[in-house]
Amino acid sequence: MQAFRVPAGVLVEVYATTLHYAPCSAAAGAGFQVVVVLPRGTNGPKPDLAVLNWEDEILTACNKWLLAHPDSSEAKGGVKASLTGENIDIAGLI
């Protein structure tokens, strides 16, 4: 994993092939602004398909695959817990 801070006014492109998650504020209460551009249909209803492989198991919506740590709210909500190791929390680091 690599975390990085992006200064205000800087644009970052995250390629579709890059494992990523939504940005977060590095300073409590500071907030952030983000624009996300996705292909039409993305995050729409999950396709009805037979689970044939690992990628099918982590599909949570149309064009959306999600990996979760067992301690995460996503895993507690039913997303397949497939990440291991320490669940890093940046709160209090900045």
C-alpha atoms as a PDB file:
ATOM      1  CA  MET A   1       0.000   0.000   0.000  1.00  0.00           C
ATOM      2  CA  GLN A   2       1.095   3.536  -0.642  1.00  0.00           C
ATOM      3  CA  ALA A   3      -0.626   6.592   0.771  1.00  0.00           C
ATOM      4  CA  PHE A   4       0.095  10.075  -0.454  1.00  0.00           C
ATOM      5  CA  ARG A   5      -1.099  13.594   0.198  1.00  0.00           C
ATOM      6  CA  VAL A   6      -2.213  15.684  -2.742  1.00  0.00           C
ATOM      7  CA  PRO A   7      -1.975  19.470  -2.401  1.00  0.00           C
ATOM      8  CA  ALA A   8      -5.091  21.544  -3.061  1.00  0.00           C
ATOM      9  CA  GLY A   9      -5.633  22.248  -6.741  1.00  0.00           C
ATOM     10  CA  VAL A  10      -3.674  19.220  -7.995  1.00  0.00           C
ATOM     11  CA  LEU A  11      -5.332  16.690 -10.291  1.00  0.00           C
ATOM     12  CA  VAL A  12      -4.637  12.958  -9.892  1.00  0.00           C
ATOM     13  CA  GLU A  13      -5.705  10.306 -12.385  1.00  0.00           C
ATOM     14  CA  VAL A  14      -6.167   6.808 -11.000  1.00  0.00           C
ATOM     15  CA  TYR A  15      -6.088   4.189 -13.740  1.00  0.00           C
ATOM     16  CA  ALA A  16      -8.859   1.600 -13.826  1.00  0.00           C
ATOM     17  CA  THR A  17      -6.232  -1.109 -13.321  1.00  0.00           C
ATOM     18  CA  THR A  18      -5.028   0.460 -10.052  1.00  0.00           C
ATOM     19  CA  LEU A  19      -6.352  -0.936  -6.799  1.00  0.00           C
ATOM     20  CA  HIS A  20      -7.777   2.135  -5.085  1.00  0.00           C
ATOM     21  CA  TYR A  21     -10.465   3.359  -2.735  1.00  0.00           C
ATOM     22  CA  ALA A  22     -12.197   6.668  -2.177  1.00  0.00           C
ATOM     23  CA  PRO A  23      -9.988   9.533  -0.977  1.00  0.00           C
ATOM     24  CA  CYS A  24     -10.123  10.667   2.614  1.00  0.00           C
ATOM     25  CA  SER A  25      -9.286  13.843   4.453  1.00  0.00           C
ATOM     26  CA  ALA A  26      -5.802  13.933   5.945  1.00  0.00           C
ATOM     27  CA  ALA A  27      -6.825  16.499   8.560  1.00  0.00           C
ATOM     28  CA  ALA A  28      -9.818  15.845  10.788  1.00  0.00           C
ATOM     29  CA  GLY A  29     -12.738  18.031   9.758  1.00  0.00           C
ATOM     30  CA  ALA A  30     -10.932  19.542   6.760  1.00  0.00           C
ATOM     31  CA  GLY A  31     -12.933  17.655   4.143  1.00  0.00           C
ATOM     32  CA  PHE A  32     -12.028  17.371   0.480  1.00  0.00           C
ATOM     33  CA  GLN A  33     -13.498  17.796  -2.973  1.00  0.00           C
ATOM     34  CA  VAL A  34     -13.402  15.088  -5.582  1.00  0.00           C
ATOM     35  CA  VAL A  35     -14.726  14.460  -9.074  1.00  0.00           C
ATOM     36  CA  VAL A  36     -15.129  10.848 -10.160  1.00  0.00           C
ATOM     37  CA  VAL A  37     -15.810   9.962 -13.792  1.00  0.00           C
ATOM     38  CA  LEU A  38     -16.963   6.393 -14.421  1.00  0.00           C
ATOM     39  CA  PRO A  39     -18.195   4.455 -17.451  1.00  0.00           C
ATOM     40  CA  ARG A  40     -21.995   4.489 -17.836  1.00  0.00           C
ATOM     41  CA  GLY A  41     -23.627   1.795 -15.685  1.00  0.00           C
ATOM     42  CA  THR A  42     -20.792   1.572 -13.165  1.00  0.00           C
ATOM     43  CA  ASN A  43     -22.037   1.104  -9.579  1.00  0.00           C
ATOM     44  CA  GLY A  44     -25.428   0.134 -10.994  1.00  0.00           C
ATOM     45  CA  PRO A  45     -27.143  -3.112 -10.074  1.00  0.00           C
ATOM     46  CA  LYS A  46     -24.865  -6.121  -9.719  1.00  0.00           C
ATOM     47  CA  PRO A  47     -25.213  -8.404 -12.735  1.00  0.00           C
ATOM     48  CA  ASP A  48     -27.011 -11.684 -12.040  1.00  0.00           C
ATOM     49  CA  LEU A  49     -24.308 -14.235 -12.765  1.00  0.00           C
ATOM     50  CA  ALA A  50     -23.049 -17.584 -11.573  1.00  0.00           C
ATOM     51  CA  VAL A  51     -19.979 -17.244  -9.349  1.00  0.00           C
ATOM     52  CA  LEU A  52     -17.232 -19.027 -11.267  1.00  0.00           C
ATOM     53  CA  ASN A  53     -14.055 -17.455  -9.855  1.00  0.00           C
ATOM     54  CA  TRP A  54     -12.572 -15.134  -7.248  1.00  0.00           C
ATOM     55  CA  GLU A  55     -13.322 -11.998  -9.291  1.00  0.00           C
ATOM     56  CA  ASP A  56     -17.000 -12.981  -9.382  1.00  0.00           C
ATOM     57  CA  GLU A  57     -16.950 -13.358  -5.563  1.00  0.00           C
ATOM     58  CA  ILE A  58     -15.741  -9.786  -5.012  1.00  0.00           C
ATOM     59  CA  LEU A  59     -18.075  -8.140  -7.547  1.00  0.00           C
ATOM     60  CA  THR A  60     -20.401  -5.880  -5.532  1.00  0.00           C
ATOM     61  CA  ALA A  61     -22.051  -3.815  -8.301  1.00  0.00           C
ATOM     62  CA  CYS A  62     -21.738  -3.311 -12.043  1.00  0.00           C
ATOM     63  CA  ASN A  63     -18.012  -2.752 -12.791  1.00  0.00           C
ATOM     64  CA  LYS A  64     -17.226  -2.595  -9.050  1.00  0.00           C
ATOM     65  CA  TRP A  65     -14.994  -5.117  -7.322  1.00  0.00           C
ATOM     66  CA  LEU A  66     -14.381  -4.560  -3.623  1.00  0.00           C
ATOM     67  CA  LEU A  67     -11.776  -6.080  -1.321  1.00  0.00           C
ATOM     68  CA  ALA A  68     -12.342  -5.711   2.411  1.00  0.00           C
ATOM     69  CA  HIS A  69     -10.390  -6.241   5.628  1.00  0.00           C
ATOM     70  CA  PRO A  70     -12.235  -8.400   8.208  1.00  0.00           C
ATOM     71  CA  ASP A  71     -12.288  -5.417  10.638  1.00  0.00           C
ATOM     72  CA  SER A  72     -13.905  -3.062   8.095  1.00  0.00           C
ATOM     73  CA  SER A  73     -17.500  -1.884   7.997  1.00  0.00           C
ATOM     74  CA  GLU A  74     -17.690  -3.250   4.435  1.00  0.00           C
ATOM     75  CA  ALA A  75     -16.840  -6.777   5.619  1.00  0.00           C
ATOM     76  CA  LYS A  76     -19.329  -6.449   8.469  1.00  0.00           C
ATOM     77  CA  GLY A  77     -21.881  -5.480   5.799  1.00  0.00           C
ATOM     78  CA  GLY A  78     -21.298  -8.653   3.802  1.00  0.00           C
ATOM     79  CA  VAL A  79     -18.390  -7.828   1.463  1.00  0.00           C
ATOM     80  CA  LYS A  80     -15.962 -10.758   1.167  1.00  0.00           C
ATOM     81  CA  ALA A  81     -13.130 -10.260   3.674  1.00  0.00           C
ATOM     82  CA  SER A  82     -10.058 -10.873   1.531  1.00  0.00           C
ATOM     83  CA  LEU A  83      -7.407  -8.474   2.862  1.00  0.00           C
ATOM     84  CA  THR A  84      -5.072  -9.573   5.652  1.00  0.00           C
ATOM     85  CA  GLY A  85      -2.599  -7.875   7.946  1.00  0.00           C
ATOM     86  CA  GLU A  86      -2.872  -4.747  10.042  1.00  0.00           C
ATOM     87  CA  ASN A  87      -5.878  -2.563   9.231  1.00  0.00           C
ATOM     88  CA  ILE A  88      -4.108   0.805   9.049  1.00  0.00           C
ATOM     89  CA  ASP A  89      -5.881   3.891  10.382  1.00  0.00           C
ATOM     90  CA  ILE A  90      -4.429   7.318   9.594  1.00  0.00           C
ATOM     91  CA  ALA A  91      -6.522   9.111  12.224  1.00  0.00           C
ATOM     92  CA  GLY A  92      -4.206  10.949  14.567  1.00  0.00           C
ATOM     93  CA  LEU A  93      -1.147  10.717  12.309  1.00  0.00           C
ATOM     94  CA  ILE A  94      -1.387  14.252  10.990  1.00  0.00           C
END
